[in-house]
């Protein structure tokens, strides 16, 4: 997929102007690289961005002369399940991490408004 097509598809999903989406994508790499510390992680819907330091090493050039490759700090992406497998609407969310065990909301894939007794308040059909 071309970059322009990606911007267009994100625009149609979010109705954010393509120029603003482009600005966010351009700035994201700089912000992560400049503000990540050693072994720091940032979780996003795309996955986890983490900092990795590639050590410097000795290298031989094609003419046989040695050179030194400096160490380099890199920001890498460990993709999330949503990025690698996609979103599964039929799979129930693991709610025990989100709410107390005494009050779990009812899983509601149709987005129907329910009262305390699980009766439909209004129908959007």
C-alpha atoms as a PDB file:
ATOM      1  CA  UNK A   1       0.000   0.000   0.000  1.00  0.00           C
ATOM      2  CA  UNK A   2       1.262   3.444  -0.824  1.00  0.00           C
ATOM      3  CA  UNK A   3       1.616   6.134   1.848  1.00  0.00           C
ATOM      4  CA  UNK A   4      -1.031   8.367   0.243  1.00  0.00           C
ATOM      5  CA  UNK A   5      -3.512   5.467   0.257  1.00  0.00           C
ATOM      6  CA  UNK A   6      -2.806   4.881   3.963  1.00  0.00           C
ATOM      7  CA  UNK A   7      -3.510   8.545   4.716  1.00  0.00           C
ATOM      8  CA  UNK A   8      -6.707   8.371   2.681  1.00  0.00           C
ATOM      9  CA  UNK A   9      -7.970   5.235   4.462  1.00  0.00           C
ATOM     10  CA  UNK A  10      -7.223   6.654   7.914  1.00  0.00           C
ATOM     11  CA  UNK A  11      -9.007   9.847   6.870  1.00  0.00           C
ATOM     12  CA  UNK A  12     -12.145   7.909   5.900  1.00  0.00           C
ATOM     13  CA  UNK A  13     -12.118   5.994   9.217  1.00  0.00           C
ATOM     14  CA  UNK A  14     -11.513   9.016  11.476  1.00  0.00           C
ATOM     15  CA  UNK A  15     -12.432  12.100   9.383  1.00  0.00           C
ATOM     16  CA  UNK A  16      -9.176  13.732  10.490  1.00  0.00           C
ATOM     17  CA  UNK A  17      -7.626  15.745   7.685  1.00  0.00           C
ATOM     18  CA  UNK A  18      -4.855  13.852   5.815  1.00  0.00           C
ATOM     19  CA  UNK A  19      -2.396  16.721   6.415  1.00  0.00           C
ATOM     20  CA  UNK A  20      -2.838  16.374  10.181  1.00  0.00           C
ATOM     21  CA  UNK A  21      -2.431  12.591  10.041  1.00  0.00           C
ATOM     22  CA  UNK A  22       0.762  13.079   8.034  1.00  0.00           C
ATOM     23  CA  UNK A  23       2.110  15.570  10.599  1.00  0.00           C
ATOM     24  CA  UNK A  24       1.446  13.155  13.473  1.00  0.00           C
ATOM     25  CA  UNK A  25       3.196  10.289  11.694  1.00  0.00           C
ATOM     26  CA  UNK A  26       6.203  12.470  10.860  1.00  0.00           C
ATOM     27  CA  UNK A  27       6.577  13.746  14.421  1.00  0.00           C
ATOM     28  CA  UNK A  28       5.980  10.373  16.122  1.00  0.00           C
ATOM     29  CA  UNK A  29       9.383   8.922  15.222  1.00  0.00           C
ATOM     30  CA  UNK A  30      11.252  12.040  16.378  1.00  0.00           C
ATOM     31  CA  UNK A  31       9.335  12.245  19.661  1.00  0.00           C
ATOM     32  CA  UNK A  32       9.966   8.584  20.464  1.00  0.00           C
ATOM     33  CA  UNK A  33      13.649   8.712  19.541  1.00  0.00           C
ATOM     34  CA  UNK A  34      14.385  11.932  21.443  1.00  0.00           C
ATOM     35  CA  UNK A  35      12.422  11.153  24.611  1.00  0.00           C
ATOM     36  CA  UNK A  36      12.948   7.431  25.167  1.00  0.00           C
ATOM     37  CA  UNK A  37      15.420   6.449  27.852  1.00  0.00           C
ATOM     38  CA  UNK A  38      17.362   3.181  28.023  1.00  0.00           C
ATOM     39  CA  UNK A  39      15.045   0.163  28.228  1.00  0.00           C
ATOM     40  CA  UNK A  40      11.951   2.376  28.242  1.00  0.00           C
ATOM     41  CA  UNK A  41       8.696   1.199  26.658  1.00  0.00           C
ATOM     42  CA  UNK A  42       5.648   2.998  25.277  1.00  0.00           C
ATOM     43  CA  UNK A  43       2.469   0.976  24.728  1.00  0.00           C
ATOM     44  CA  UNK A  44       0.183   2.002  21.851  1.00  0.00           C
ATOM     45  CA  UNK A  45      -2.614   0.300  19.864  1.00  0.00           C
ATOM     46  CA  UNK A  46       0.013  -0.498  17.222  1.00  0.00           C
ATOM     47  CA  UNK A  47       2.210  -2.299  19.726  1.00  0.00           C
ATOM     48  CA  UNK A  48       5.005  -1.507  22.158  1.00  0.00           C
ATOM     49  CA  UNK A  49       7.762   0.883  21.139  1.00  0.00           C
ATOM     50  CA  UNK A  50      10.989   0.114  23.005  1.00  0.00           C
ATOM     51  CA  UNK A  51      14.520   1.477  23.002  1.00  0.00           C
ATOM     52  CA  UNK A  52      17.391  -0.744  21.914  1.00  0.00           C
ATOM     53  CA  UNK A  53      21.074   0.225  21.899  1.00  0.00           C
ATOM     54  CA  UNK A  54      23.076  -1.372  19.097  1.00  0.00           C
ATOM     55  CA  UNK A  55      26.672  -1.629  20.221  1.00  0.00           C
ATOM     56  CA  UNK A  56      29.493  -0.223  18.097  1.00  0.00           C
ATOM     57  CA  UNK A  57      31.813  -2.613  16.308  1.00  0.00           C
ATOM     58  CA  UNK A  58      34.903  -2.860  14.134  1.00  0.00           C
ATOM     59  CA  UNK A  59      34.259  -3.298  10.411  1.00  0.00           C
ATOM     60  CA  UNK A  60      36.438  -3.867   7.373  1.00  0.00           C
ATOM     61  CA  UNK A  61      35.733  -1.760   4.303  1.00  0.00           C
ATOM     62  CA  UNK A  62      35.895  -3.346   0.815  1.00  0.00           C
ATOM     63  CA  UNK A  63      39.415  -1.968   0.318  1.00  0.00           C
ATOM     64  CA  UNK A  64      40.532  -3.775   3.499  1.00  0.00           C
ATOM     65  CA  UNK A  65      40.924  -0.744   5.767  1.00  0.00           C
ATOM     66  CA  UNK A  66      39.327  -1.028   9.217  1.00  0.00           C
ATOM     67  CA  UNK A  67      36.652   1.385  10.435  1.00  0.00           C
ATOM     68  CA  UNK A  68      34.586   1.809  13.574  1.00  0.00           C
ATOM     69  CA  UNK A  69      30.781   1.692  13.442  1.00  0.00           C
ATOM     70  CA  UNK A  70      29.501   3.831  16.348  1.00  0.00           C
ATOM     71  CA  UNK A  71      26.867   2.591  18.785  1.00  0.00           C
ATOM     72  CA  UNK A  72      23.349   3.599  17.877  1.00  0.00           C
ATOM     73  CA  UNK A  73      20.162   4.013  19.901  1.00  0.00           C
ATOM     74  CA  UNK A  74      17.178   2.630  18.004  1.00  0.00           C
ATOM     75  CA  UNK A  75      13.456   2.693  18.718  1.00  0.00           C
ATOM     76  CA  UNK A  76      11.833  -0.579  17.674  1.00  0.00           C
ATOM     77  CA  UNK A  77       8.221  -1.725  17.493  1.00  0.00           C
ATOM     78  CA  UNK A  78       6.974  -5.000  18.936  1.00  0.00           C
ATOM     79  CA  UNK A  79       3.598  -5.316  17.149  1.00  0.00           C
ATOM     80  CA  UNK A  80       0.410  -5.843  19.127  1.00  0.00           C
ATOM     81  CA  UNK A  81      -2.050  -8.655  18.557  1.00  0.00           C
ATOM     82  CA  UNK A  82      -4.424  -6.184  16.952  1.00  0.00           C
ATOM     83  CA  UNK A  83      -1.773  -5.281  14.387  1.00  0.00           C
ATOM     84  CA  UNK A  84      -0.693  -8.872  13.672  1.00  0.00           C
ATOM     85  CA  UNK A  85      -4.032 -10.718  13.927  1.00  0.00           C
ATOM     86  CA  UNK A  86      -6.632  -7.989  13.605  1.00  0.00           C
ATOM     87  CA  UNK A  87      -9.553  -7.142  15.835  1.00  0.00           C
ATOM     88  CA  UNK A  88     -11.979  -9.971  16.537  1.00  0.00           C
ATOM     89  CA  UNK A  89     -15.468  -8.578  17.322  1.00  0.00           C
ATOM     90  CA  UNK A  90     -16.803 -11.942  18.544  1.00  0.00           C
ATOM     91  CA  UNK A  91     -14.083 -12.375  21.160  1.00  0.00           C
ATOM     92  CA  UNK A  92     -15.057 -11.246  24.635  1.00  0.00           C
ATOM     93  CA  UNK A  93     -12.844  -8.674  26.296  1.00  0.00           C
ATOM     94  CA  UNK A  94     -10.877  -9.808  29.334  1.00  0.00           C
ATOM     95  CA  UNK A  95     -12.799  -7.567  31.721  1.00  0.00           C
ATOM     96  CA  UNK A  96     -11.345  -8.758  35.026  1.00  0.00           C
ATOM     97  CA  UNK A  97      -8.335  -6.522  34.443  1.00  0.00           C
ATOM     98  CA  UNK A  98     -10.547  -3.494  33.768  1.00  0.00           C
ATOM     99  CA  UNK A  99     -13.186  -3.656  36.523  1.00  0.00           C
ATOM    100  CA  UNK A 100     -13.610  -5.044  40.020  1.00  0.00           C
ATOM    101  CA  UNK A 101     -14.846  -8.599  40.303  1.00  0.00           C
ATOM    102  CA  UNK A 102     -17.903  -7.460  42.264  1.00  0.00           C
ATOM    103  CA  UNK A 103     -19.215  -5.307  39.413  1.00  0.00           C
ATOM    104  CA  UNK A 104     -18.535  -6.626  35.920  1.00  0.00           C
ATOM    105  CA  UNK A 105     -20.479  -5.054  33.067  1.00  0.00           C
ATOM    106  CA  UNK A 106     -22.450  -7.290  30.753  1.00  0.00           C
ATOM    107  CA  UNK A 107     -20.702  -8.040  27.455  1.00  0.00           C
ATOM    108  CA  UNK A 108     -22.825  -6.210  24.944  1.00  0.00           C
ATOM    109  CA  UNK A 109     -21.712  -6.622  21.304  1.00  0.00           C
ATOM    110  CA  UNK A 110     -24.856  -4.982  19.893  1.00  0.00           C
ATOM    111  CA  UNK A 111     -24.253  -1.794  21.956  1.00  0.00           C
ATOM    112  CA  UNK A 112     -27.789  -1.948  23.367  1.00  0.00           C
ATOM    113  CA  UNK A 113     -28.426   0.178  26.459  1.00  0.00           C
ATOM    114  CA  UNK A 114     -29.281  -2.078  29.413  1.00  0.00           C
ATOM    115  CA  UNK A 115     -30.542  -1.235  32.887  1.00  0.00           C
ATOM    116  CA  UNK A 116     -29.445  -2.929  36.134  1.00  0.00           C
ATOM    117  CA  UNK A 117     -31.675  -5.965  35.440  1.00  0.00           C
ATOM    118  CA  UNK A 118     -30.269  -6.413  31.915  1.00  0.00           C
ATOM    119  CA  UNK A 119     -33.489  -5.204  30.295  1.00  0.00           C
ATOM    120  CA  UNK A 120     -33.300  -3.162  27.109  1.00  0.00           C
ATOM    121  CA  UNK A 121     -33.794   0.562  27.732  1.00  0.00           C
ATOM    122  CA  UNK A 122     -34.043   1.599  24.078  1.00  0.00           C
ATOM    123  CA  UNK A 123     -33.666  -0.144  20.764  1.00  0.00           C
ATOM    124  CA  UNK A 124     -31.709   1.248  17.799  1.00  0.00           C
ATOM    125  CA  UNK A 125     -32.953  -1.178  15.176  1.00  0.00           C
END
